Amino acid sequence: MGKTNIEETVIDDQVQGDGPQADAARQVAELRTDVDTIDAAIVTMLAERFRVTRRIGLLKARAGFASADLQREAAQVATLRGKAEDCGLDPDLAEAYLHLVADAAKRGHERLASQASSC
């Protein structure tokens, strides 16, 4: 098999034809379809997550609670890191995901609290 510069390989250009590279390219294309489906599902779930956290933010704002709950966040980090390990996923990636979405949710909660206090 010839050496290929992976930075310049366009898999879609390799799908046509015969031989091991074309076979591999077709398999990659099929797997990418799976990845695209998974990505769409993740975005759908993320949108649902933010609908729920918006409701949490509204309740917190009405009750005068802070946007952050550090005890809850620490528990979630531990839970997701454990789940990641169980699933063979890098726990640091799971934690980075959690911080990304939790920070975005807290910013939304802060906006809601600001709007509630200005009424």
PDB file of N, CA and C in Angstrom:
ATOM      1  N   MET A   1       0.846  -1.170   0.000  1.00  0.00           N
ATOM      2  CA  MET A   1       0.000   0.000   0.000  1.00  0.00           C
ATOM      3  C   MET A   1       0.894   1.237   0.000  1.00  0.00           C
ATOM      4  N   GLY A   2       0.580   2.220  -0.820  1.00  0.00           N
ATOM      5  CA  GLY A   2       1.406   3.411  -0.941  1.00  0.00           C
ATOM      6  C   GLY A   2       1.234   4.342   0.231  1.00  0.00           C
ATOM      7  N   LYS A   3       2.251   5.132   0.445  1.00  0.00           N
ATOM      8  CA  LYS A   3       2.210   6.111   1.529  1.00  0.00           C
ATOM      9  C   LYS A   3       1.387   7.310   1.072  1.00  0.00           C
ATOM     10  N   THR A   4       0.519   7.791   1.952  1.00  0.00           N
ATOM     11  CA  THR A   4      -0.366   8.895   1.626  1.00  0.00           C
ATOM     12  C   THR A   4      -0.187   9.996   2.651  1.00  0.00           C
ATOM     13  N   ASN A   5      -0.204  11.228   2.170  1.00  0.00           N
ATOM     14  CA  ASN A   5      -0.187  12.376   3.063  1.00  0.00           C
ATOM     15  C   ASN A   5      -1.618  12.580   3.545  1.00  0.00           C
ATOM     16  N   ILE A   6      -1.882  12.225   4.798  1.00  0.00           N
ATOM     17  CA  ILE A   6      -3.256  12.263   5.294  1.00  0.00           C
ATOM     18  C   ILE A   6      -3.837  13.666   5.338  1.00  0.00           C
ATOM     19  N   GLU A   7      -2.994  14.666   5.360  1.00  0.00           N
ATOM     20  CA  GLU A   7      -3.505  16.032   5.389  1.00  0.00           C
ATOM     21  C   GLU A   7      -4.112  16.424   4.054  1.00  0.00           C
ATOM     22  N   GLU A   8      -3.798  15.683   3.000  1.00  0.00           N
ATOM     23  CA  GLU A   8      -4.281  16.035   1.674  1.00  0.00           C
ATOM     24  C   GLU A   8      -5.281  15.034   1.116  1.00  0.00           C
ATOM     25  N   THR A   9      -5.625  14.013   1.875  1.00  0.00           N
ATOM     26  CA  THR A   9      -6.548  12.999   1.386  1.00  0.00           C
ATOM     27  C   THR A   9      -7.985  13.494   1.501  1.00  0.00           C
ATOM     28  N   VAL A  10      -8.697  13.463   0.385  1.00  0.00           N
ATOM     29  CA  VAL A  10     -10.126  13.752   0.364  1.00  0.00           C
ATOM     30  C   VAL A  10     -10.810  12.422   0.090  1.00  0.00           C
ATOM     31  N   ILE A  11     -11.387  11.858   1.131  1.00  0.00           N
ATOM     32  CA  ILE A  11     -11.960  10.516   1.041  1.00  0.00           C
ATOM     33  C   ILE A  11     -13.007  10.433  -0.068  1.00  0.00           C
ATOM     34  N   ASP A  12     -13.844  11.445  -0.184  1.00  0.00           N
ATOM     35  CA  ASP A  12     -14.902  11.406  -1.196  1.00  0.00           C
ATOM     36  C   ASP A  12     -14.341  11.235  -2.604  1.00  0.00           C
ATOM     37  N   ASP A  13     -13.136  11.728  -2.835  1.00  0.00           N
ATOM     38  CA  ASP A  13     -12.501  11.574  -4.149  1.00  0.00           C
ATOM     39  C   ASP A  13     -12.015  10.154  -4.385  1.00  0.00           C
ATOM     40  N   GLN A  14     -11.901   9.359  -3.331  1.00  0.00           N
ATOM     41  CA  GLN A  14     -11.349   8.010  -3.427  1.00  0.00           C
ATOM     42  C   GLN A  14     -12.424   6.928  -3.538  1.00  0.00           C
ATOM     43  N   VAL A  15     -13.695   7.286  -3.407  1.00  0.00           N
ATOM     44  CA  VAL A  15     -14.772   6.300  -3.346  1.00  0.00           C
ATOM     45  C   VAL A  15     -14.937   5.550  -4.664  1.00  0.00           C
ATOM     46  N   GLN A  16     -14.794   6.241  -5.765  1.00  0.00           N
ATOM     47  CA  GLN A  16     -14.948   5.601  -7.074  1.00  0.00           C
ATOM     48  C   GLN A  16     -13.726   4.749  -7.368  1.00  0.00           C
ATOM     49  N   GLY A  17     -13.948   3.653  -8.026  1.00  0.00           N
ATOM     50  CA  GLY A  17     -12.827   2.823  -8.427  1.00  0.00           C
ATOM     51  C   GLY A  17     -12.798   1.505  -7.694  1.00  0.00           C
ATOM     52  N   ASP A  18     -11.720   0.789  -7.920  1.00  0.00           N
ATOM     53  CA  ASP A  18     -11.535  -0.535  -7.341  1.00  0.00           C
ATOM     54  C   ASP A  18     -10.272  -0.539  -6.499  1.00  0.00           C
ATOM     55  N   GLY A  19     -10.133  -1.576  -5.726  1.00  0.00           N
ATOM     56  CA  GLY A  19      -8.924  -1.746  -4.938  1.00  0.00           C
ATOM     57  C   GLY A  19      -9.133  -1.413  -3.488  1.00  0.00           C
ATOM     58  N   PRO A  20      -8.095  -1.661  -2.697  1.00  0.00           N
ATOM     59  CA  PRO A  20      -8.209  -1.490  -1.247  1.00  0.00           C
ATOM     60  C   PRO A  20      -8.487  -0.054  -0.820  1.00  0.00           C
ATOM     61  N   GLN A  21      -7.926   0.932  -1.513  1.00  0.00           N
ATOM     62  CA  GLN A  21      -8.187   2.317  -1.114  1.00  0.00           C
ATOM     63  C   GLN A  21      -9.638   2.695  -1.371  1.00  0.00           C
ATOM     64  N   ALA A  22     -10.177   2.268  -2.501  1.00  0.00           N
ATOM     65  CA  ALA A  22     -11.576   2.566  -2.806  1.00  0.00           C
ATOM     66  C   ALA A  22     -12.495   1.857  -1.817  1.00  0.00           C
ATOM     67  N   ASP A  23     -12.175   0.607  -1.477  1.00  0.00           N
ATOM     68  CA  ASP A  23     -12.975  -0.117  -0.480  1.00  0.00           C
ATOM     69  C   ASP A  23     -12.941   0.602   0.869  1.00  0.00           C
ATOM     70  N   ALA A  24     -11.756   1.005   1.282  1.00  0.00           N
ATOM     71  CA  ALA A  24     -11.622   1.726   2.553  1.00  0.00           C
ATOM     72  C   ALA A  24     -12.380   3.043   2.502  1.00  0.00           C
ATOM     73  N   ALA A  25     -12.304   3.738   1.366  1.00  0.00           N
ATOM     74  CA  ALA A  25     -12.999   5.017   1.223  1.00  0.00           C
ATOM     75  C   ALA A  25     -14.509   4.822   1.329  1.00  0.00           C
ATOM     76  N   ARG A  26     -15.033   3.765   0.730  1.00  0.00           N
ATOM     77  CA  ARG A  26     -16.473   3.492   0.825  1.00  0.00           C
ATOM     78  C   ARG A  26     -16.872   3.191   2.272  1.00  0.00           C
ATOM     79  N   GLN A  27     -16.046   2.431   2.968  1.00  0.00           N
ATOM     80  CA  GLN A  27     -16.339   2.130   4.375  1.00  0.00           C
ATOM     81  C   GLN A  27     -16.300   3.395   5.226  1.00  0.00           C
ATOM     82  N   VAL A  28     -15.319   4.254   4.952  1.00  0.00           N
ATOM     83  CA  VAL A  28     -15.234   5.529   5.679  1.00  0.00           C
ATOM     84  C   VAL A  28     -16.484   6.355   5.407  1.00  0.00           C
ATOM     85  N   ALA A  29     -16.916   6.405   4.154  1.00  0.00           N
ATOM     86  CA  ALA A  29     -18.110   7.175   3.803  1.00  0.00           C
ATOM     87  C   ALA A  29     -19.336   6.647   4.549  1.00  0.00           C
ATOM     88  N   GLU A  30     -19.475   5.324   4.631  1.00  0.00           N
ATOM     89  CA  GLU A  30     -20.599   4.734   5.365  1.00  0.00           C
ATOM     90  C   GLU A  30     -20.529   5.077   6.853  1.00  0.00           C
ATOM     91  N   LEU A  31     -19.351   4.975   7.424  1.00  0.00           N
ATOM     92  CA  LEU A  31     -19.190   5.295   8.847  1.00  0.00           C
ATOM     93  C   LEU A  31     -19.434   6.775   9.113  1.00  0.00           C
ATOM     94  N   ARG A  32     -19.061   7.622   8.160  1.00  0.00           N
ATOM     95  CA  ARG A  32     -19.322   9.057   8.326  1.00  0.00           C
ATOM     96  C   ARG A  32     -20.819   9.331   8.371  1.00  0.00           C
ATOM     97  N   THR A  33     -21.591   8.555   7.632  1.00  0.00           N
ATOM     98  CA  THR A  33     -23.045   8.694   7.703  1.00  0.00           C
ATOM     99  C   THR A  33     -23.520   8.392   9.120  1.00  0.00           C
ATOM    100  N   ASP A  34     -22.951   7.354   9.727  1.00  0.00           N
ATOM    101  CA  ASP A  34     -23.278   7.038  11.124  1.00  0.00           C
ATOM    102  C   ASP A  34     -22.896   8.190  12.044  1.00  0.00           C
ATOM    103  N   VAL A  35     -21.709   8.750  11.841  1.00  0.00           N
ATOM    104  CA  VAL A  35     -21.250   9.874  12.664  1.00  0.00           C
ATOM    105  C   VAL A  35     -22.188  11.063  12.500  1.00  0.00           C
ATOM    106  N   ASP A  36     -22.607  11.344  11.269  1.00  0.00           N
ATOM    107  CA  ASP A  36     -23.527  12.459  11.025  1.00  0.00           C
ATOM    108  C   ASP A  36     -24.846  12.255  11.768  1.00  0.00           C
ATOM    109  N   THR A  37     -25.340  11.030  11.773  1.00  0.00           N
ATOM    110  CA  THR A  37     -26.578  10.712  12.487  1.00  0.00           C
ATOM    111  C   THR A  37     -26.394  10.909  13.991  1.00  0.00           C
ATOM    112  N   ILE A  38     -25.272  10.445  14.507  1.00  0.00           N
ATOM    113  CA  ILE A  38     -24.975  10.610  15.934  1.00  0.00           C
ATOM    114  C   ILE A  38     -24.846  12.088  16.283  1.00  0.00           C
ATOM    115  N   ASP A  39     -24.139  12.860  15.443  1.00  0.00           N
ATOM    116  CA  ASP A  39     -23.993  14.299  15.692  1.00  0.00           C
ATOM    117  C   ASP A  39     -25.353  14.992  15.735  1.00  0.00           C
ATOM    118  N   ALA A  40     -26.240  14.627  14.811  1.00  0.00           N
ATOM    119  CA  ALA A  40     -27.578  15.223  14.800  1.00  0.00           C
ATOM    120  C   ALA A  40     -28.328  14.872  16.084  1.00  0.00           C
ATOM    121  N   ALA A  41     -28.190  13.638  16.546  1.00  0.00           N
ATOM    122  CA  ALA A  41     -28.845  13.227  17.793  1.00  0.00           C
ATOM    123  C   ALA A  41     -28.273  13.988  18.985  1.00  0.00           C
ATOM    124  N   ILE A  42     -26.963  14.192  18.988  1.00  0.00           N
ATOM    125  CA  ILE A  42     -26.333  14.947  20.079  1.00  0.00           C
ATOM    126  C   ILE A  42     -26.871  16.369  20.117  1.00  0.00           C
ATOM    127  N   VAL A  43     -26.984  17.005  18.950  1.00  0.00           N
ATOM    128  CA  VAL A  43     -27.499  18.375  18.899  1.00  0.00           C
ATOM    129  C   VAL A  43     -28.950  18.413  19.383  1.00  0.00           C
ATOM    130  N   THR A  44     -29.745  17.429  18.986  1.00  0.00           N
ATOM    131  CA  THR A  44     -31.132  17.356  19.443  1.00  0.00           C
ATOM    132  C   THR A  44     -31.188  17.218  20.964  1.00  0.00           C
ATOM    133  N   MET A  45     -30.368  16.347  21.517  1.00  0.00           N
ATOM    134  CA  MET A  45     -30.331  16.152  22.970  1.00  0.00           C
ATOM    135  C   MET A  45     -29.820  17.409  23.676  1.00  0.00           C
ATOM    136  N   LEU A  46     -28.841  18.071  23.080  1.00  0.00           N
ATOM    137  CA  LEU A  46     -28.303  19.292  23.670  1.00  0.00           C
ATOM    138  C   LEU A  46     -29.370  20.386  23.702  1.00  0.00           C
ATOM    139  N   ALA A  47     -30.152  20.493  22.630  1.00  0.00           N
ATOM    140  CA  ALA A  47     -31.238  21.473  22.611  1.00  0.00           C
ATOM    141  C   ALA A  47     -32.246  21.168  23.717  1.00  0.00           C
ATOM    142  N   GLU A  48     -32.565  19.898  23.895  1.00  0.00           N
ATOM    143  CA  GLU A  48     -33.487  19.508  24.965  1.00  0.00           C
ATOM    144  C   GLU A  48     -32.886  19.824  26.332  1.00  0.00           C
ATOM    145  N   ARG A  49     -31.589  19.574  26.473  1.00  0.00           N
ATOM    146  CA  ARG A  49     -30.912  19.873  27.741  1.00  0.00           C
ATOM    147  C   ARG A  49     -31.050  21.359  28.073  1.00  0.00           C
ATOM    148  N   PHE A  50     -30.861  22.219  27.065  1.00  0.00           N
ATOM    149  CA  PHE A  50     -30.945  23.652  27.317  1.00  0.00           C
ATOM    150  C   PHE A  50     -32.382  24.108  27.555  1.00  0.00           C
ATOM    151  N   ARG A  51     -33.362  23.426  26.973  1.00  0.00           N
ATOM    152  CA  ARG A  51     -34.756  23.748  27.313  1.00  0.00           C
ATOM    153  C   ARG A  51     -35.006  23.466  28.796  1.00  0.00           C
ATOM    154  N   VAL A  52     -34.482  22.347  29.270  1.00  0.00           N
ATOM    155  CA  VAL A  52     -34.655  21.988  30.685  1.00  0.00           C
ATOM    156  C   VAL A  52     -33.889  22.956  31.583  1.00  0.00           C
ATOM    157  N   THR A  53     -32.630  23.259  31.227  1.00  0.00           N
ATOM    158  CA  THR A  53     -31.854  24.164  32.087  1.00  0.00           C
ATOM    159  C   THR A  53     -32.425  25.580  32.062  1.00  0.00           C
ATOM    160  N   ARG A  54     -33.109  25.962  30.986  1.00  0.00           N
ATOM    161  CA  ARG A  54     -33.766  27.270  30.970  1.00  0.00           C
ATOM    162  C   ARG A  54     -34.888  27.280  32.007  1.00  0.00           C
ATOM    163  N   ARG A  55     -35.629  26.204  32.077  1.00  0.00           N
ATOM    164  CA  ARG A  55     -36.688  26.108  33.090  1.00  0.00           C
ATOM    165  C   ARG A  55     -36.085  26.171  34.491  1.00  0.00           C
ATOM    166  N   ILE A  56     -34.952  25.493  34.679  1.00  0.00           N
ATOM    167  CA  ILE A  56     -34.255  25.560  35.972  1.00  0.00           C
ATOM    168  C   ILE A  56     -33.855  27.003  36.260  1.00  0.00           C
ATOM    169  N   GLY A  57     -33.323  27.684  35.250  1.00  0.00           N
ATOM    170  CA  GLY A  57     -32.906  29.076  35.416  1.00  0.00           C
ATOM    171  C   GLY A  57     -34.058  29.984  35.799  1.00  0.00           C
ATOM    172  N   LEU A  58     -35.216  29.767  35.187  1.00  0.00           N
ATOM    173  CA  LEU A  58     -36.390  30.570  35.538  1.00  0.00           C
ATOM    174  C   LEU A  58     -36.789  30.345  36.993  1.00  0.00           C
ATOM    175  N   LEU A  59     -36.786  29.097  37.413  1.00  0.00           N
ATOM    176  CA  LEU A  59     -37.124  28.791  38.812  1.00  0.00           C
ATOM    177  C   LEU A  59     -36.111  29.404  39.771  1.00  0.00           C
ATOM    178  N   LYS A  60     -34.827  29.301  39.427  1.00  0.00           N
ATOM    179  CA  LYS A  60     -33.789  29.891  40.282  1.00  0.00           C
ATOM    180  C   LYS A  60     -33.952  31.400  40.367  1.00  0.00           C
ATOM    181  N   ALA A  61     -34.223  32.033  39.217  1.00  0.00           N
ATOM    182  CA  ALA A  61     -34.370  33.492  39.204  1.00  0.00           C
ATOM    183  C   ALA A  61     -35.550  33.923  40.064  1.00  0.00           C
ATOM    184  N   ARG A  62     -36.657  33.226  39.934  1.00  0.00           N
ATOM    185  CA  ARG A  62     -37.848  33.576  40.727  1.00  0.00           C
ATOM    186  C   ARG A  62     -37.617  33.390  42.219  1.00  0.00           C
ATOM    187  N   ALA A  63     -36.819  32.385  42.569  1.00  0.00           N
ATOM    188  CA  ALA A  63     -36.565  32.095  43.984  1.00  0.00           C
ATOM    189  C   ALA A  63     -35.380  32.878  44.540  1.00  0.00           C
ATOM    190  N   GLY A  64     -34.650  33.573  43.666  1.00  0.00           N
ATOM    191  CA  GLY A  64     -33.491  34.330  44.114  1.00  0.00           C
ATOM    192  C   GLY A  64     -32.257  33.483  44.358  1.00  0.00           C
ATOM    193  N   PHE A  65     -32.205  32.292  43.758  1.00  0.00           N
ATOM    194  CA  PHE A  65     -31.035  31.423  43.904  1.00  0.00           C
ATOM    195  C   PHE A  65     -29.912  31.890  42.990  1.00  0.00           C
ATOM    196  N   ALA A  66     -28.685  31.573  43.378  1.00  0.00           N
ATOM    197  CA  ALA A  66     -27.521  31.862  42.532  1.00  0.00           C
ATOM    198  C   ALA A  66     -27.574  30.986  41.283  1.00  0.00           C
ATOM    199  N   SER A  67     -26.903  31.455  40.232  1.00  0.00           N
ATOM    200  CA  SER A  67     -26.901  30.683  38.987  1.00  0.00           C
ATOM    201  C   SER A  67     -26.063  29.418  39.111  1.00  0.00           C
ATOM    202  N   ALA A  68     -25.068  29.429  39.994  1.00  0.00           N
ATOM    203  CA  ALA A  68     -24.173  28.278  40.145  1.00  0.00           C
ATOM    204  C   ALA A  68     -24.534  27.482  41.392  1.00  0.00           C
ATOM    205  N   ASP A  69     -24.380  26.177  41.277  1.00  0.00           N
ATOM    206  CA  ASP A  69     -24.519  25.263  42.411  1.00  0.00           C
ATOM    207  C   ASP A  69     -23.279  24.374  42.360  1.00  0.00           C
ATOM    208  N   LEU A  70     -22.223  24.811  43.036  1.00  0.00           N
ATOM    209  CA  LEU A  70     -20.927  24.146  42.919  1.00  0.00           C
ATOM    210  C   LEU A  70     -20.952  22.710  43.418  1.00  0.00           C
ATOM    211  N   GLN A  71     -21.768  22.430  44.422  1.00  0.00           N
ATOM    212  CA  GLN A  71     -21.870  21.055  44.916  1.00  0.00           C
ATOM    213  C   GLN A  71     -22.474  20.155  43.839  1.00  0.00           C
ATOM    214  N   ARG A  72     -23.516  20.623  43.190  1.00  0.00           N
ATOM    215  CA  ARG A  72     -24.149  19.870  42.102  1.00  0.00           C
ATOM    216  C   ARG A  72     -23.166  19.672  40.948  1.00  0.00           C
ATOM    217  N   GLU A  73     -22.431  20.727  40.601  1.00  0.00           N
ATOM    218  CA  GLU A  73     -21.474  20.625  39.498  1.00  0.00           C
ATOM    219  C   GLU A  73     -20.389  19.596  39.798  1.00  0.00           C
ATOM    220  N   ALA A  74     -19.869  19.605  41.014  1.00  0.00           N
ATOM    221  CA  ALA A  74     -18.827  18.639  41.385  1.00  0.00           C
ATOM    222  C   ALA A  74     -19.364  17.211  41.310  1.00  0.00           C
ATOM    223  N   ALA A  75     -20.596  17.025  41.758  1.00  0.00           N
ATOM    224  CA  ALA A  75     -21.203  15.691  41.689  1.00  0.00           C
ATOM    225  C   ALA A  75     -21.384  15.254  40.240  1.00  0.00           C
ATOM    226  N   GLN A  76     -21.797  16.183  39.381  1.00  0.00           N
ATOM    227  CA  GLN A  76     -21.982  15.858  37.965  1.00  0.00           C
ATOM    228  C   GLN A  76     -20.661  15.534  37.285  1.00  0.00           C
ATOM    229  N   VAL A  77     -19.612  16.270  37.630  1.00  0.00           N
ATOM    230  CA  VAL A  77     -18.287  15.971  37.068  1.00  0.00           C
ATOM    231  C   VAL A  77     -17.901  14.541  37.422  1.00  0.00           C
ATOM    232  N   ALA A  78     -18.047  14.190  38.688  1.00  0.00           N
ATOM    233  CA  ALA A  78     -17.686  12.835  39.120  1.00  0.00           C
ATOM    234  C   ALA A  78     -18.538  11.787  38.409  1.00  0.00           C
ATOM    235  N   THR A  79     -19.830  12.051  38.299  1.00  0.00           N
ATOM    236  CA  THR A  79     -20.733  11.105  37.638  1.00  0.00           C
ATOM    237  C   THR A  79     -20.363  10.920  36.173  1.00  0.00           C
ATOM    238  N   LEU A  80     -20.166  12.032  35.460  1.00  0.00           N
ATOM    239  CA  LEU A  80     -19.859  11.925  34.031  1.00  0.00           C
ATOM    240  C   LEU A  80     -18.475  11.354  33.777  1.00  0.00           C
ATOM    241  N   ARG A  81     -17.520  11.662  34.631  1.00  0.00           N
ATOM    242  CA  ARG A  81     -16.192  11.054  34.474  1.00  0.00           C
ATOM    243  C   ARG A  81     -16.290   9.535  34.649  1.00  0.00           C
ATOM    244  N   GLY A  82     -17.055   9.093  35.638  1.00  0.00           N
ATOM    245  CA  GLY A  82     -17.241   7.659  35.838  1.00  0.00           C
ATOM    246  C   GLY A  82     -17.952   7.010  34.665  1.00  0.00           C
ATOM    247  N   LYS A  83     -18.990   7.663  34.163  1.00  0.00           N
ATOM    248  CA  LYS A  83     -19.724   7.143  33.008  1.00  0.00           C
ATOM    249  C   LYS A  83     -18.802   7.061  31.795  1.00  0.00           C
ATOM    250  N   ALA A  84     -17.983   8.084  31.607  1.00  0.00           N
ATOM    251  CA  ALA A  84     -17.043   8.078  30.481  1.00  0.00           C
ATOM    252  C   ALA A  84     -16.083   6.902  30.591  1.00  0.00           C
ATOM    253  N   GLU A  85     -15.541   6.699  31.772  1.00  0.00           N
ATOM    254  CA  GLU A  85     -14.622   5.570  31.969  1.00  0.00           C
ATOM    255  C   GLU A  85     -15.315   4.250  31.674  1.00  0.00           C
ATOM    256  N   ASP A  86     -16.552   4.108  32.141  1.00  0.00           N
ATOM    257  CA  ASP A  86     -17.314   2.879  31.892  1.00  0.00           C
ATOM    258  C   ASP A  86     -17.538   2.645  30.399  1.00  0.00           C
ATOM    259  N   CYS A  87     -17.649   3.726  29.648  1.00  0.00           N
ATOM    260  CA  CYS A  87     -17.941   3.631  28.210  1.00  0.00           C
ATOM    261  C   CYS A  87     -16.688   3.648  27.343  1.00  0.00           C
ATOM    262  N   GLY A  88     -15.514   3.737  27.963  1.00  0.00           N
ATOM    263  CA  GLY A  88     -14.280   3.778  27.183  1.00  0.00           C
ATOM    264  C   GLY A  88     -14.001   5.130  26.550  1.00  0.00           C
ATOM    265  N   LEU A  89     -14.567   6.179  27.120  1.00  0.00           N
ATOM    266  CA  LEU A  89     -14.367   7.544  26.638  1.00  0.00           C
ATOM    267  C   LEU A  89     -13.401   8.256  27.573  1.00  0.00           C
ATOM    268  N   ASP A  90     -12.612   9.137  27.028  1.00  0.00           N
ATOM    269  CA  ASP A  90     -11.674   9.917  27.830  1.00  0.00           C
ATOM    270  C   ASP A  90     -12.464  10.749  28.849  1.00  0.00           C
ATOM    271  N   PRO A  91     -12.266  10.525  30.145  1.00  0.00           N
ATOM    272  CA  PRO A  91     -12.998  11.283  31.165  1.00  0.00           C
ATOM    273  C   PRO A  91     -12.760  12.789  31.074  1.00  0.00           C
ATOM    274  N   ASP A  92     -11.575  13.198  30.618  1.00  0.00           N
ATOM    275  CA  ASP A  92     -11.307  14.629  30.464  1.00  0.00           C
ATOM    276  C   ASP A  92     -12.226  15.246  29.415  1.00  0.00           C
ATOM    277  N   LEU A  93     -12.534  14.481  28.362  1.00  0.00           N
ATOM    278  CA  LEU A  93     -13.449  14.969  27.329  1.00  0.00           C
ATOM    279  C   LEU A  93     -14.851  15.139  27.908  1.00  0.00           C
ATOM    280  N   ALA A  94     -15.294  14.172  28.688  1.00  0.00           N
ATOM    281  CA  ALA A  94     -16.613  14.267  29.319  1.00  0.00           C
ATOM    282  C   ALA A  94     -16.674  15.467  30.259  1.00  0.00           C
ATOM    283  N   GLU A  95     -15.603  15.687  31.002  1.00  0.00           N
ATOM    284  CA  GLU A  95     -15.583  16.834  31.917  1.00  0.00           C
ATOM    285  C   GLU A  95     -15.576  18.147  31.148  1.00  0.00           C
ATOM    286  N   ALA A  96     -14.807  18.209  30.067  1.00  0.00           N
ATOM    287  CA  ALA A  96     -14.768  19.428  29.249  1.00  0.00           C
ATOM    288  C   ALA A  96     -16.155  19.725  28.674  1.00  0.00           C
ATOM    289  N   TYR A  97     -16.841  18.674  28.212  1.00  0.00           N
ATOM    290  CA  TYR A  97     -18.212  18.837  27.714  1.00  0.00           C
ATOM    291  C   TYR A  97     -19.096  19.431  28.810  1.00  0.00           C
ATOM    292  N   LEU A  98     -19.026  18.845  29.997  1.00  0.00           N
ATOM    293  CA  LEU A  98     -19.880  19.309  31.083  1.00  0.00           C
ATOM    294  C   LEU A  98     -19.606  20.772  31.416  1.00  0.00           C
ATOM    295  N   HIS A  99     -18.337  21.145  31.490  1.00  0.00           N
ATOM    296  CA  HIS A  99     -18.012  22.545  31.790  1.00  0.00           C
ATOM    297  C   HIS A  99     -18.543  23.467  30.695  1.00  0.00           C
ATOM    298  N   LEU A 100     -18.422  23.043  29.444  1.00  0.00           N
ATOM    299  CA  LEU A 100     -18.907  23.859  28.328  1.00  0.00           C
ATOM    300  C   LEU A 100     -20.405  24.112  28.450  1.00  0.00           C
ATOM    301  N   VAL A 101     -21.178  23.054  28.632  1.00  0.00           N
ATOM    302  CA  VAL A 101     -22.631  23.239  28.675  1.00  0.00           C
ATOM    303  C   VAL A 101     -23.090  23.855  29.996  1.00  0.00           C
ATOM    304  N   ALA A 102     -22.436  23.515  31.093  1.00  0.00           N
ATOM    305  CA  ALA A 102     -22.823  24.103  32.381  1.00  0.00           C
ATOM    306  C   ALA A 102     -22.533  25.598  32.396  1.00  0.00           C
ATOM    307  N   ASP A 103     -21.393  25.998  31.842  1.00  0.00           N
ATOM    308  CA  ASP A 103     -21.074  27.429  31.780  1.00  0.00           C
ATOM    309  C   ASP A 103     -22.090  28.175  30.920  1.00  0.00           C
ATOM    310  N   ALA A 104     -22.477  27.583  29.796  1.00  0.00           N
ATOM    311  CA  ALA A 104     -23.482  28.213  28.936  1.00  0.00           C
ATOM    312  C   ALA A 104     -24.824  28.304  29.666  1.00  0.00           C
ATOM    313  N   ALA A 105     -25.192  27.261  30.373  1.00  0.00           N
ATOM    314  CA  ALA A 105     -26.449  27.278  31.130  1.00  0.00           C
ATOM    315  C   ALA A 105     -26.413  28.351  32.216  1.00  0.00           C
ATOM    316  N   LYS A 106     -25.284  28.461  32.919  1.00  0.00           N
ATOM    317  CA  LYS A 106     -25.174  29.477  33.984  1.00  0.00           C
ATOM    318  C   LYS A 106     -25.261  30.886  33.408  1.00  0.00           C
ATOM    319  N   ARG A 107     -24.652  31.100  32.235  1.00  0.00           N
ATOM    320  CA  ARG A 107     -24.774  32.421  31.603  1.00  0.00           C
ATOM    321  C   ARG A 107     -26.247  32.717  31.301  1.00  0.00           C
ATOM    322  N   GLY A 108     -26.967  31.715  30.836  1.00  0.00           N
ATOM    323  CA  GLY A 108     -28.399  31.886  30.598  1.00  0.00           C
ATOM    324  C   GLY A 108     -29.155  32.165  31.879  1.00  0.00           C
ATOM    325  N   HIS A 109     -28.798  31.477  32.947  1.00  0.00           N
ATOM    326  CA  HIS A 109     -29.444  31.705  34.244  1.00  0.00           C
ATOM    327  C   HIS A 109     -29.178  33.126  34.732  1.00  0.00           C
ATOM    328  N   GLU A 110     -27.951  33.599  34.531  1.00  0.00           N
ATOM    329  CA  GLU A 110     -27.608  34.960  34.957  1.00  0.00           C
ATOM    330  C   GLU A 110     -28.421  35.988  34.177  1.00  0.00           C
ATOM    331  N   ARG A 111     -28.610  35.751  32.870  1.00  0.00           N
ATOM    332  CA  ARG A 111     -29.439  36.663  32.068  1.00  0.00           C
ATOM    333  C   ARG A 111     -30.880  36.657  32.585  1.00  0.00           C
ATOM    334  N   LEU A 112     -31.391  35.473  32.877  1.00  0.00           N
ATOM    335  CA  LEU A 112     -32.761  35.382  33.394  1.00  0.00           C
ATOM    336  C   LEU A 112     -32.895  36.096  34.735  1.00  0.00           C
ATOM    337  N   ALA A 113     -31.908  35.925  35.607  1.00  0.00           N
ATOM    338  CA  ALA A 113     -31.935  36.593  36.914  1.00  0.00           C
ATOM    339  C   ALA A 113     -31.875  38.100  36.741  1.00  0.00           C
ATOM    340  N   SER A 114     -31.058  38.555  35.796  1.00  0.00           N
ATOM    341  CA  SER A 114     -30.934  39.986  35.529  1.00  0.00           C
ATOM    342  C   SER A 114     -32.257  40.551  35.020  1.00  0.00           C
ATOM    343  N   GLN A 115     -32.911  39.816  34.142  1.00  0.00           N
ATOM    344  CA  GLN A 115     -34.207  40.257  33.617  1.00  0.00           C
ATOM    345  C   GLN A 115     -35.264  40.265  34.717  1.00  0.00           C
ATOM    346  N   ALA A 116     -35.226  39.270  35.579  1.00  0.00           N
ATOM    347  CA  ALA A 116     -36.209  39.182  36.664  1.00  0.00           C
ATOM    348  C   ALA A 116     -36.039  40.323  37.652  1.00  0.00           C
ATOM    349  N   SER A 117     -34.789  40.718  37.900  1.00  0.00           N
ATOM    350  CA  SER A 117     -34.551  41.780  38.885  1.00  0.00           C
ATOM    351  C   SER A 117     -34.818  43.160  38.308  1.00  0.00           C
ATOM    352  N   SER A 118     -34.866  43.282  36.977  1.00  0.00           N
ATOM    353  CA  SER A 118     -35.094  44.595  36.383  1.00  0.00           C
ATOM    354  C   SER A 118     -36.577  44.859  36.139  1.00  0.00           C
ATOM    355  N   CYS A 119     -37.425  43.905  36.457  1.00  0.00           N
ATOM    356  CA  CYS A 119     -38.882  44.079  36.239  1.00  0.00           C
ATOM    357  C   CYS A 119     -39.533  44.725  37.428  1.00  0.00           C
TER     358      CYS A 119
END
